[in-house]
Amino acid sequence: MGRLDGKVAWITGAASGIGAACARRFAEEGAAVAGLDRAEPIADGDWMLAAKAAPASHFARADVTDEAAVNAAAAEAAERLGRIDVLVNSAGIAGGGNVHNLDLAHWDEVLDVNLRGTLLASRAALHGMLEAGAGSIIHIASVEGIEGFEGGSSYNASKGAVILLTRNMAIDYGRKGIRVNAVCPGFIDTPLLSSVFEMEGVGEIKERIREAHQLGRFGDPMEIAQAVLFLVSDEASFVTGATLPVDGGYTAGHRFGTARLMGLE
């Protein structure tokens, strides 16, 4: 038996990256999967593999900042697959800049996708969960919502807000049988990360960021999906309001070469 047999999962940002990996992993564990993204899934990517593996699947294109479109997508997913038991808010975009010259339109876009989108999808899924008296919601936040990162103003602010929203929702809905948790990935090898590192002059910075992970590498989307799977499964039935870093030791602390003196390198 799969760990999600009989469950229906709705995943935003499902076309690629962490969202697609969650769709594939959930399907492998027996869930029916509905995906939402403003982009088409990669033809030979994780979403297509998930669709083949899932007992049932559905994919819709919509922008998570559009309330009417999100509500319609949630209703369609519930109608096609029966209900929504699990929501993973994975849709997100990168962005930042220094506050004194930050483009406000860009600030609004990042906050709209990363925070408003999380709110809208949660609102859309919660109605059915409240009627059922059960549900599990995962917000994909970031290590950059836990600690600062130079030049990351809008992205960090959005993810920090998502973490606090997680805690408030856990308080509000826990007595209704709905668990709400956040996963904070480190730097994960996704199309989103690749787009950031395409900028000119970031090669050395990329290596320094890689080295800031105590495991000495970037993460894989499936490593995040495994953590999300645990949190949405019954194995985590007493976990709510948690913020789980899955970051290869990025937030554990700093390296200054002391370990080398102790023979650990």
Protein backbone atom coordinates (compact mmCIF):
# COMPACT_ATOMS: atom_id res chain seq x y z
CA MET A 1 0.00 0.00 0.00
CA GLY A 2 1.12 3.54 -0.73
CA ARG A 3 1.44 6.17 1.97
CA LEU A 4 -1.13 8.36 0.19
CA ASP A 5 -3.56 5.73 -1.07
CA GLY A 6 -7.01 7.25 -1.45
CA LYS A 7 -5.79 10.83 -1.07
CA VAL A 8 -6.22 13.68 -3.54
CA ALA A 9 -3.39 16.19 -3.73
CA TRP A 10 -3.54 19.62 -5.38
CA ILE A 11 -0.14 21.13 -6.17
CA THR A 12 0.58 24.65 -7.41
CA GLY A 13 3.75 25.30 -9.39
CA ALA A 14 3.44 21.72 -10.58
CA ALA A 15 4.88 22.08 -14.07
CA SER A 16 8.52 21.88 -12.98
CA GLY A 17 10.95 21.90 -10.08
CA ILE A 18 9.77 21.08 -6.57
CA GLY A 19 6.08 21.06 -7.49
CA ALA A 20 6.62 18.54 -10.28
CA ALA A 21 8.76 16.36 -8.01
CA CYS A 22 6.01 16.37 -5.36
CA ALA A 23 3.44 15.38 -8.00
CA ARG A 24 5.56 12.45 -9.10
CA ARG A 25 6.35 11.29 -5.57
CA PHE A 26 2.75 11.57 -4.40
CA ALA A 27 1.54 9.60 -7.41
CA GLU A 28 4.07 6.88 -6.66
CA GLU A 29 2.54 6.65 -3.18
CA GLY A 30 -0.99 6.22 -4.52
CA ALA A 31 -2.41 9.76 -4.55
CA ALA A 32 -4.62 11.20 -7.25
CA VAL A 33 -2.85 14.39 -8.31
CA ALA A 34 -4.10 17.71 -9.63
CA GLY A 35 -1.54 20.25 -10.80
CA LEU A 36 -1.74 23.98 -11.37
CA ASP A 37 0.81 26.21 -13.09
CA ARG A 38 0.89 29.14 -15.48
CA ALA A 39 3.39 27.19 -17.61
CA GLU A 40 2.88 23.97 -19.50
CA PRO A 41 4.55 20.90 -17.96
CA ILE A 42 7.79 19.74 -19.51
CA ALA A 43 6.80 17.00 -21.97
CA ASP A 44 9.09 14.33 -20.51
CA GLY A 45 9.27 15.76 -17.00
CA ASP A 46 8.13 14.67 -13.56
CA TRP A 47 4.55 15.83 -14.08
CA MET A 48 4.02 13.52 -17.04
CA LEU A 49 5.52 10.66 -15.09
CA ALA A 50 3.20 11.51 -12.21
CA ALA A 51 0.18 11.57 -14.51
CA LYS A 52 1.04 8.08 -15.72
CA ALA A 53 1.58 6.77 -12.20
CA ALA A 54 -1.37 8.41 -10.44
CA PRO A 55 -4.72 6.65 -10.00
CA ALA A 56 -6.14 9.82 -11.57
CA SER A 57 -4.62 13.13 -12.56
CA HIS A 58 -5.58 16.57 -13.80
CA PHE A 59 -3.54 19.62 -14.83
CA ALA A 60 -4.81 23.17 -15.23
CA ARG A 61 -3.08 26.34 -16.40
CA ALA A 62 -3.73 29.42 -14.28
CA ASP A 63 -1.92 32.23 -12.51
CA VAL A 64 -1.96 31.81 -8.73
CA THR A 65 -2.42 35.57 -8.31
CA ASP A 66 -5.79 35.44 -10.10
CA GLU A 67 -8.42 34.71 -7.45
CA ALA A 68 -11.17 33.69 -9.87
CA ALA A 69 -8.85 31.40 -11.81
CA VAL A 70 -7.51 29.76 -8.65
CA ASN A 71 -11.02 29.19 -7.29
CA ALA A 72 -12.11 27.71 -10.59
CA ALA A 73 -9.07 25.42 -10.74
CA ALA A 74 -9.69 24.18 -7.20
CA ALA A 75 -13.35 23.52 -7.96
CA GLU A 76 -12.46 21.66 -11.16
CA ALA A 77 -9.83 19.55 -9.37
CA ALA A 78 -12.31 18.64 -6.63
CA GLU A 79 -15.01 17.83 -9.17
CA ARG A 80 -12.76 15.64 -11.31
CA LEU A 81 -10.96 13.84 -8.47
CA GLY A 82 -13.63 13.93 -5.75
CA ARG A 83 -12.13 16.41 -3.24
CA ILE A 84 -8.84 17.94 -2.12
CA ASP A 85 -7.15 16.29 0.87
CA VAL A 86 -3.66 17.76 0.43
CA LEU A 87 -2.48 21.14 -0.85
CA VAL A 88 1.14 21.94 -1.68
CA ASN A 89 1.79 25.62 -2.38
CA SER A 90 4.90 25.39 -4.53
CA ALA A 91 4.32 28.19 -7.04
CA GLY A 92 6.95 30.89 -6.66
CA ILE A 93 9.27 33.30 -8.42
CA ALA A 94 12.64 34.79 -7.52
CA GLY A 95 13.36 38.46 -7.08
CA GLY A 96 15.14 41.04 -5.01
CA GLY A 97 17.11 44.23 -5.01
CA ASN A 98 18.20 46.96 -2.64
CA VAL A 99 15.29 48.74 -1.00
CA HIS A 100 16.36 52.27 -1.93
CA ASN A 101 16.17 51.57 -5.67
CA LEU A 102 13.86 48.56 -5.78
CA ASP A 103 11.35 48.55 -8.61
CA LEU A 104 7.97 48.57 -6.87
CA ALA A 105 6.25 46.72 -9.69
CA HIS A 106 8.75 43.90 -9.25
CA TRP A 107 8.23 43.94 -5.47
CA ASP A 108 4.48 43.63 -6.03
CA GLU A 109 4.93 40.76 -8.50
CA VAL A 110 7.11 38.73 -6.12
CA LEU A 111 4.79 39.29 -3.17
CA ASP A 112 1.75 38.55 -5.33
CA VAL A 113 3.02 35.18 -6.56
CA ASN A 114 4.81 33.97 -3.44
CA LEU A 115 2.47 35.26 -0.73
CA ARG A 116 -0.87 36.17 -2.31
CA GLY A 117 -0.74 33.01 -4.42
CA THR A 118 -0.20 30.91 -1.30
CA LEU A 119 -3.13 32.65 0.37
CA LEU A 120 -5.49 32.24 -2.58
CA ALA A 121 -4.77 28.54 -3.12
CA SER A 122 -5.15 27.89 0.60
CA ARG A 123 -8.49 29.71 0.70
CA ALA A 124 -9.72 27.72 -2.28
CA ALA A 125 -8.75 24.37 -0.76
CA LEU A 126 -9.80 25.09 2.80
CA HIS A 127 -13.55 25.12 2.18
CA GLY A 128 -13.62 21.44 1.27
CA MET A 129 -11.16 20.54 4.01
CA LEU A 130 -13.34 22.27 6.60
CA GLU A 131 -16.38 20.33 5.41
CA ALA A 132 -14.40 17.07 5.62
CA GLY A 133 -12.85 17.94 8.98
CA ALA A 134 -9.41 16.93 7.71
CA GLY A 135 -6.62 18.11 5.47
CA SER A 136 -2.92 18.84 5.16
CA ILE A 137 -1.38 21.98 3.68
CA ILE A 138 2.29 22.52 2.91
CA HIS A 139 3.72 25.90 2.03
CA ILE A 140 7.05 25.82 0.22
CA ALA A 141 8.94 28.68 1.87
CA SER A 142 12.75 28.99 1.79
CA VAL A 143 15.85 29.24 3.91
CA GLU A 144 15.76 32.86 2.76
CA GLY A 145 12.60 33.26 4.80
CA ILE A 146 14.55 32.20 7.90
CA GLU A 147 17.66 34.33 7.47
CA GLY A 148 18.76 37.23 5.33
CA PHE A 149 20.50 37.08 1.99
CA GLU A 150 22.10 40.15 0.45
CA GLY A 151 19.97 41.74 -2.22
CA GLY A 152 17.05 39.42 -1.50
CA SER A 153 14.59 41.96 -0.14
CA SER A 154 11.36 41.05 -1.94
CA TYR A 155 11.93 37.28 -2.08
CA ASN A 156 13.04 37.06 1.54
CA ALA A 157 10.14 39.19 2.71
CA SER A 158 7.65 37.02 0.83
CA LYS A 159 9.03 33.77 2.20
CA GLY A 160 9.32 35.10 5.75
CA ALA A 161 5.66 36.07 5.53
CA VAL A 162 4.76 32.60 4.27
CA ILE A 163 6.42 31.07 7.35
CA LEU A 164 4.41 33.24 9.72
CA LEU A 165 1.23 32.59 7.72
CA THR A 166 1.92 28.88 8.22
CA ARG A 167 1.96 29.28 11.99
CA ASN A 168 -1.20 31.35 12.04
CA MET A 169 -3.05 28.86 9.88
CA ALA A 170 -1.90 25.99 12.08
CA ILE A 171 -3.41 27.80 15.06
CA ASP A 172 -6.64 28.67 13.27
CA TYR A 173 -7.36 25.28 11.70
CA GLY A 174 -5.77 22.70 14.00
CA ARG A 175 -8.99 22.05 15.91
CA LYS A 176 -10.71 21.49 12.58
CA GLY A 177 -8.41 18.57 11.76
CA ILE A 178 -6.30 20.51 9.26
CA ARG A 179 -2.51 20.50 9.62
CA VAL A 180 -0.42 23.31 8.10
CA ASN A 181 3.36 23.17 7.80
CA ALA A 182 6.14 24.86 5.86
CA VAL A 183 9.19 23.37 4.17
CA CYS A 184 12.21 25.64 3.72
CA PRO A 185 14.43 24.33 0.94
CA GLY A 186 18.02 25.36 0.61
CA PHE A 187 19.27 26.14 -2.89
CA ILE A 188 17.74 23.43 -5.07
CA ASP A 189 18.71 22.54 -8.64
CA THR A 190 15.54 23.77 -10.34
CA PRO A 191 14.71 25.95 -13.36
CA LEU A 192 14.09 28.80 -10.90
CA LEU A 193 17.62 28.54 -9.51
CA SER A 194 19.08 28.22 -12.98
CA SER A 195 17.38 31.44 -14.03
CA VAL A 196 19.04 33.28 -11.14
CA PHE A 197 22.49 31.91 -11.95
CA GLU A 198 22.15 32.88 -15.61
CA MET A 199 22.83 36.48 -14.63
CA GLU A 200 26.22 37.84 -15.62
CA GLY A 201 29.00 37.66 -13.04
CA VAL A 202 27.42 35.18 -10.64
CA GLY A 203 29.69 32.18 -11.32
CA GLU A 204 31.88 32.74 -8.26
CA ILE A 205 28.85 33.57 -6.13
CA LYS A 206 27.21 30.32 -7.21
CA GLU A 207 30.18 28.32 -5.93
CA ARG A 208 30.24 30.21 -2.65
CA ILE A 209 26.54 29.50 -2.16
CA ARG A 210 27.13 25.83 -2.95
CA GLU A 211 29.89 25.72 -0.33
CA ALA A 212 27.58 27.35 2.23
CA HIS A 213 25.61 24.10 2.29
CA GLN A 214 27.37 21.84 4.79
CA LEU A 215 26.88 18.87 2.47
CA GLY A 216 28.82 20.77 -0.18
CA ARG A 217 26.19 20.65 -2.92
CA PHE A 218 22.84 21.97 -4.08
CA GLY A 219 19.76 19.91 -3.37
CA ASP A 220 17.61 17.90 -5.76
CA PRO A 221 13.85 18.59 -6.08
CA MET A 222 13.07 15.00 -5.13
CA GLU A 223 14.84 15.50 -1.80
CA ILE A 224 12.34 18.23 -1.02
CA ALA A 225 9.45 16.11 -2.26
CA GLN A 226 10.44 13.34 0.15
CA ALA A 227 10.20 15.75 3.09
CA VAL A 228 6.87 17.09 1.86
CA LEU A 229 5.59 13.53 1.48
CA PHE A 230 6.37 12.82 5.12
CA LEU A 231 4.60 15.96 6.32
CA VAL A 232 1.40 15.31 4.35
CA SER A 233 1.29 11.62 5.28
CA ASP A 234 -0.28 10.12 8.40
CA GLU A 235 3.23 9.54 9.70
CA ALA A 236 3.28 13.25 10.57
CA SER A 237 -0.16 13.26 12.19
CA PHE A 238 1.10 15.20 15.23
CA VAL A 239 3.05 17.79 13.23
CA THR A 240 1.52 21.18 12.54
CA GLY A 241 2.83 24.73 12.58
CA ALA A 242 6.33 23.45 11.87
CA THR A 243 8.96 25.06 9.68
CA LEU A 244 11.26 22.34 8.36
CA PRO A 245 14.55 23.35 6.74
CA VAL A 246 15.61 20.85 4.08
CA ASP A 247 18.80 22.63 3.20
CA GLY A 248 21.90 20.45 3.33
CA GLY A 249 22.98 22.27 6.47
CA TYR A 250 22.74 25.78 4.97
CA THR A 251 21.11 27.22 8.11
CA ALA A 252 23.17 25.11 10.54
CA GLY A 253 25.90 27.72 10.81
CA HIS A 254 29.14 28.79 9.18
CA ARG A 255 32.46 27.24 8.21
CA PHE A 256 35.71 29.06 8.93
CA GLY A 257 38.25 26.26 8.46
CA THR A 258 38.34 25.06 12.07
CA ALA A 259 37.29 21.57 11.02
CA ARG A 260 40.40 21.31 8.87
CA LEU A 261 42.55 21.91 11.95
CA MET A 262 40.76 19.00 13.63
CA GLY A 263 41.35 16.66 10.70
CA LEU A 264 37.79 16.66 9.43
CA GLU A 265 38.58 17.85 5.89
